[in-house]
Amino acid sequence: MISAIGLDMTRWPTGKHCASWLGLCPGTKLSGGKRYRMRSKPTAHRAASALRLAAQGLINSHSALGAYYRRMRARLGAPKAMTATAQKLARFV
């Protein structure tokens, strides 16, 4: 994580800005006042891949993050749940 993101976290005002930079946030494209194409932007960040892999490892975890991943997986499906949990992990970093 340190080699991909660096030690200087003052580049981003909040953790949400960092998660968006990593490509873990849904898009906000608007047309006629309606949102469409709410997918995350495709990126090749090593840190984003590492966070997605860490999120996938929470499947059987008894922590709050594991419960969050399982809730999202039941509601959204596995790929979107992995991205949502990776975004939460990025905000913690």
N, C-alpha and C. Protein backbone atom coordinates (compact mmCIF):
# COMPACT_ATOMS: atom_id res chain seq x y z
N MET A 1 0.82 -1.19 0.00
CA MET A 1 0.00 0.00 0.00
C MET A 1 0.86 1.25 0.00
N ILE A 2 1.93 1.23 0.77
CA ILE A 2 2.78 2.41 0.87
C ILE A 2 3.47 2.70 -0.46
N SER A 3 3.88 1.65 -1.17
CA SER A 3 4.57 1.89 -2.44
C SER A 3 3.61 2.41 -3.51
N ALA A 4 2.34 2.03 -3.43
CA ALA A 4 1.38 2.48 -4.43
C ALA A 4 0.80 3.86 -4.11
N ILE A 5 0.48 4.09 -2.85
CA ILE A 5 -0.17 5.35 -2.46
C ILE A 5 0.85 6.37 -1.99
N GLY A 6 1.82 5.94 -1.23
CA GLY A 6 2.82 6.85 -0.68
C GLY A 6 2.50 7.19 0.77
N LEU A 7 3.37 7.96 1.38
CA LEU A 7 3.19 8.32 2.78
C LEU A 7 2.47 9.65 2.96
N ASP A 8 2.45 10.48 1.93
CA ASP A 8 1.84 11.80 2.03
C ASP A 8 0.35 11.71 1.75
N MET A 9 -0.47 11.68 2.79
CA MET A 9 -1.92 11.59 2.64
C MET A 9 -2.59 12.96 2.57
N THR A 10 -1.79 14.02 2.55
CA THR A 10 -2.39 15.36 2.48
C THR A 10 -2.84 15.70 1.07
N ARG A 11 -2.56 14.82 0.12
CA ARG A 11 -3.01 15.05 -1.26
C ARG A 11 -4.53 15.00 -1.35
N TRP A 12 -5.14 14.22 -0.46
CA TRP A 12 -6.59 14.06 -0.48
C TRP A 12 -7.18 14.68 0.79
N PRO A 13 -8.24 15.48 0.65
CA PRO A 13 -8.85 16.09 1.83
C PRO A 13 -9.46 15.05 2.77
N THR A 14 -10.05 14.00 2.21
CA THR A 14 -10.67 12.96 3.04
C THR A 14 -10.30 11.58 2.49
N GLY A 15 -10.66 10.57 3.23
CA GLY A 15 -10.45 9.19 2.78
C GLY A 15 -11.31 8.84 1.58
N LYS A 16 -12.45 9.51 1.46
CA LYS A 16 -13.33 9.25 0.32
C LYS A 16 -12.69 9.71 -0.98
N HIS A 17 -11.92 10.80 -0.93
CA HIS A 17 -11.22 11.27 -2.12
C HIS A 17 -10.15 10.27 -2.54
N CYS A 18 -9.48 9.68 -1.58
CA CYS A 18 -8.46 8.66 -1.87
C CYS A 18 -9.11 7.43 -2.49
N ALA A 19 -10.26 7.00 -1.96
CA ALA A 19 -10.96 5.84 -2.51
C ALA A 19 -11.42 6.12 -3.94
N SER A 20 -11.84 7.34 -4.21
CA SER A 20 -12.24 7.70 -5.57
C SER A 20 -11.04 7.70 -6.50
N TRP A 21 -9.89 8.16 -6.04
CA TRP A 21 -8.68 8.16 -6.84
C TRP A 21 -8.26 6.74 -7.18
N LEU A 22 -8.49 5.81 -6.27
CA LEU A 22 -8.17 4.41 -6.52
C LEU A 22 -9.16 3.75 -7.46
N GLY A 23 -10.28 4.41 -7.75
CA GLY A 23 -11.27 3.83 -8.65
C GLY A 23 -12.23 2.89 -7.97
N LEU A 24 -12.48 3.10 -6.68
CA LEU A 24 -13.35 2.21 -5.92
C LEU A 24 -14.73 2.80 -5.68
N CYS A 25 -15.01 3.99 -6.23
CA CYS A 25 -16.31 4.65 -6.03
C CYS A 25 -17.14 4.56 -7.30
N PRO A 26 -18.45 4.49 -7.17
CA PRO A 26 -19.29 4.45 -8.37
C PRO A 26 -19.28 5.78 -9.10
N GLY A 27 -19.54 5.73 -10.39
CA GLY A 27 -19.55 6.93 -11.20
C GLY A 27 -20.79 7.77 -10.94
N THR A 28 -20.75 9.02 -11.37
CA THR A 28 -21.87 9.93 -11.16
C THR A 28 -22.27 10.59 -12.47
N LYS A 29 -22.41 9.80 -13.51
CA LYS A 29 -22.79 10.37 -14.80
C LYS A 29 -24.28 10.67 -14.78
N LEU A 30 -24.64 11.86 -15.25
CA LEU A 30 -26.03 12.31 -15.27
C LEU A 30 -26.45 12.62 -16.69
N SER A 31 -27.70 12.33 -17.00
CA SER A 31 -28.28 12.72 -18.28
C SER A 31 -29.76 12.98 -18.04
N GLY A 32 -30.17 14.21 -18.21
CA GLY A 32 -31.56 14.55 -17.98
C GLY A 32 -31.97 14.44 -16.52
N GLY A 33 -31.02 14.62 -15.63
CA GLY A 33 -31.32 14.55 -14.20
C GLY A 33 -31.34 13.14 -13.65
N LYS A 34 -31.07 12.12 -14.49
CA LYS A 34 -31.08 10.73 -14.03
C LYS A 34 -29.65 10.19 -14.07
N ARG A 35 -29.33 9.39 -13.06
CA ARG A 35 -28.01 8.78 -13.00
C ARG A 35 -27.98 7.54 -13.88
N TYR A 36 -26.91 7.36 -14.61
CA TYR A 36 -26.71 6.14 -15.39
C TYR A 36 -25.23 5.77 -15.37
N ARG A 37 -24.96 4.55 -15.72
CA ARG A 37 -23.60 4.00 -15.71
C ARG A 37 -22.92 4.27 -14.37
N MET A 38 -23.42 3.61 -13.35
CA MET A 38 -22.91 3.83 -12.00
C MET A 38 -21.78 2.87 -11.66
N ARG A 39 -21.08 2.37 -12.67
CA ARG A 39 -19.95 1.48 -12.42
C ARG A 39 -18.74 2.26 -11.94
N SER A 40 -17.83 1.54 -11.30
CA SER A 40 -16.56 2.16 -10.91
C SER A 40 -15.70 2.35 -12.16
N LYS A 41 -14.85 3.34 -12.13
CA LYS A 41 -14.01 3.55 -13.29
C LYS A 41 -12.91 2.48 -13.32
N PRO A 42 -12.58 1.99 -14.51
CA PRO A 42 -11.55 0.95 -14.59
C PRO A 42 -10.17 1.53 -14.32
N THR A 43 -9.44 0.90 -13.44
CA THR A 43 -8.09 1.36 -13.10
C THR A 43 -7.17 0.17 -12.98
N ALA A 44 -5.90 0.43 -12.98
CA ALA A 44 -4.90 -0.63 -12.83
C ALA A 44 -4.03 -0.35 -11.60
N HIS A 45 -4.62 0.24 -10.57
CA HIS A 45 -3.85 0.53 -9.36
C HIS A 45 -3.55 -0.76 -8.61
N ARG A 46 -2.30 -0.91 -8.20
CA ARG A 46 -1.93 -2.08 -7.41
C ARG A 46 -2.60 -2.04 -6.05
N ALA A 47 -2.78 -0.85 -5.52
CA ALA A 47 -3.40 -0.71 -4.20
C ALA A 47 -4.87 -1.12 -4.26
N ALA A 48 -5.57 -0.75 -5.32
CA ALA A 48 -6.97 -1.12 -5.47
C ALA A 48 -7.11 -2.63 -5.58
N SER A 49 -6.20 -3.26 -6.31
CA SER A 49 -6.23 -4.72 -6.43
C SER A 49 -5.97 -5.38 -5.08
N ALA A 50 -5.03 -4.83 -4.32
CA ALA A 50 -4.73 -5.38 -3.00
C ALA A 50 -5.92 -5.22 -2.05
N LEU A 51 -6.60 -4.08 -2.14
CA LEU A 51 -7.77 -3.86 -1.28
C LEU A 51 -8.92 -4.78 -1.66
N ARG A 52 -9.09 -5.03 -2.97
CA ARG A 52 -10.14 -5.96 -3.39
C ARG A 52 -9.83 -7.37 -2.91
N LEU A 53 -8.57 -7.75 -2.96
CA LEU A 53 -8.16 -9.08 -2.49
C LEU A 53 -8.36 -9.19 -0.98
N ALA A 54 -8.06 -8.13 -0.25
CA ALA A 54 -8.29 -8.13 1.20
C ALA A 54 -9.78 -8.21 1.52
N ALA A 55 -10.60 -7.54 0.71
CA ALA A 55 -12.05 -7.58 0.92
C ALA A 55 -12.58 -8.99 0.67
N GLN A 56 -12.02 -9.65 -0.33
CA GLN A 56 -12.47 -11.01 -0.63
C GLN A 56 -12.10 -11.96 0.51
N GLY A 57 -11.03 -11.67 1.21
CA GLY A 57 -10.62 -12.51 2.33
C GLY A 57 -11.51 -12.36 3.56
N LEU A 58 -12.44 -11.41 3.54
CA LEU A 58 -13.32 -11.19 4.69
C LEU A 58 -14.58 -12.05 4.64
N ILE A 59 -14.68 -12.97 3.69
CA ILE A 59 -15.90 -13.75 3.52
C ILE A 59 -16.28 -14.47 4.81
N ASN A 60 -15.34 -15.14 5.44
CA ASN A 60 -15.64 -15.92 6.63
C ASN A 60 -15.19 -15.25 7.92
N SER A 61 -14.88 -13.96 7.86
CA SER A 61 -14.42 -13.24 9.04
C SER A 61 -15.60 -12.96 9.97
N HIS A 62 -15.34 -13.02 11.27
CA HIS A 62 -16.37 -12.74 12.28
C HIS A 62 -16.33 -11.28 12.73
N SER A 63 -15.74 -10.42 11.93
CA SER A 63 -15.65 -9.01 12.30
C SER A 63 -16.81 -8.23 11.68
N ALA A 64 -16.87 -6.95 12.01
CA ALA A 64 -17.91 -6.10 11.44
C ALA A 64 -17.72 -5.94 9.94
N LEU A 65 -16.47 -5.90 9.48
CA LEU A 65 -16.22 -5.80 8.04
C LEU A 65 -16.66 -7.06 7.31
N GLY A 66 -16.47 -8.21 7.94
CA GLY A 66 -16.94 -9.45 7.34
C GLY A 66 -18.46 -9.49 7.22
N ALA A 67 -19.13 -9.00 8.24
CA ALA A 67 -20.59 -8.93 8.20
C ALA A 67 -21.05 -7.95 7.13
N TYR A 68 -20.34 -6.83 6.98
CA TYR A 68 -20.67 -5.85 5.94
C TYR A 68 -20.52 -6.48 4.56
N TYR A 69 -19.43 -7.22 4.35
CA TYR A 69 -19.21 -7.86 3.05
C TYR A 69 -20.33 -8.86 2.75
N ARG A 70 -20.72 -9.65 3.73
CA ARG A 70 -21.78 -10.64 3.49
C ARG A 70 -23.12 -9.99 3.22
N ARG A 71 -23.42 -8.88 3.92
CA ARG A 71 -24.66 -8.13 3.65
C ARG A 71 -24.67 -7.59 2.23
N MET A 72 -23.56 -6.98 1.83
CA MET A 72 -23.48 -6.42 0.49
C MET A 72 -23.53 -7.52 -0.57
N ARG A 73 -22.92 -8.66 -0.31
CA ARG A 73 -22.92 -9.76 -1.26
C ARG A 73 -24.32 -10.30 -1.46
N ALA A 74 -25.11 -10.35 -0.40
CA ALA A 74 -26.48 -10.82 -0.51
C ALA A 74 -27.34 -9.82 -1.28
N ARG A 75 -27.04 -8.56 -1.14
CA ARG A 75 -27.86 -7.52 -1.76
C ARG A 75 -27.42 -7.18 -3.19
N LEU A 76 -26.09 -7.10 -3.42
CA LEU A 76 -25.57 -6.61 -4.69
C LEU A 76 -24.93 -7.67 -5.58
N GLY A 77 -24.49 -8.75 -4.99
CA GLY A 77 -23.69 -9.73 -5.72
C GLY A 77 -22.23 -9.62 -5.31
N ALA A 78 -21.47 -10.66 -5.61
CA ALA A 78 -20.10 -10.74 -5.12
C ALA A 78 -19.17 -9.65 -5.68
N PRO A 79 -19.14 -9.37 -6.99
CA PRO A 79 -18.18 -8.37 -7.46
C PRO A 79 -18.42 -6.96 -6.90
N LYS A 80 -19.67 -6.53 -6.85
CA LYS A 80 -19.96 -5.20 -6.32
C LYS A 80 -19.72 -5.15 -4.82
N ALA A 81 -19.98 -6.25 -4.13
CA ALA A 81 -19.73 -6.29 -2.69
C ALA A 81 -18.23 -6.19 -2.40
N MET A 82 -17.44 -6.82 -3.25
CA MET A 82 -15.99 -6.76 -3.07
C MET A 82 -15.50 -5.33 -3.25
N THR A 83 -16.01 -4.62 -4.25
CA THR A 83 -15.61 -3.24 -4.48
C THR A 83 -16.08 -2.33 -3.35
N ALA A 84 -17.31 -2.55 -2.86
CA ALA A 84 -17.84 -1.72 -1.77
C ALA A 84 -17.02 -1.91 -0.50
N THR A 85 -16.64 -3.15 -0.21
CA THR A 85 -15.83 -3.41 0.98
C THR A 85 -14.41 -2.88 0.79
N ALA A 86 -13.88 -2.97 -0.41
CA ALA A 86 -12.55 -2.41 -0.67
C ALA A 86 -12.57 -0.90 -0.50
N GLN A 87 -13.67 -0.25 -0.87
CA GLN A 87 -13.78 1.19 -0.67
C GLN A 87 -13.76 1.52 0.81
N LYS A 88 -14.46 0.72 1.60
CA LYS A 88 -14.49 0.95 3.05
C LYS A 88 -13.09 0.76 3.64
N LEU A 89 -12.37 -0.26 3.16
CA LEU A 89 -11.01 -0.48 3.64
C LEU A 89 -10.08 0.67 3.23
N ALA A 90 -10.29 1.22 2.03
CA ALA A 90 -9.47 2.35 1.57
C ALA A 90 -9.70 3.57 2.46
N ARG A 91 -10.94 3.77 2.88
CA ARG A 91 -11.20 4.90 3.76
C ARG A 91 -10.55 4.71 5.11
N PHE A 92 -10.41 3.47 5.57
CA PHE A 92 -9.72 3.21 6.84
C PHE A 92 -8.22 3.46 6.71
N VAL A 93 -7.66 3.16 5.56
CA VAL A 93 -6.22 3.36 5.35
C VAL A 93 -5.92 4.84 5.36
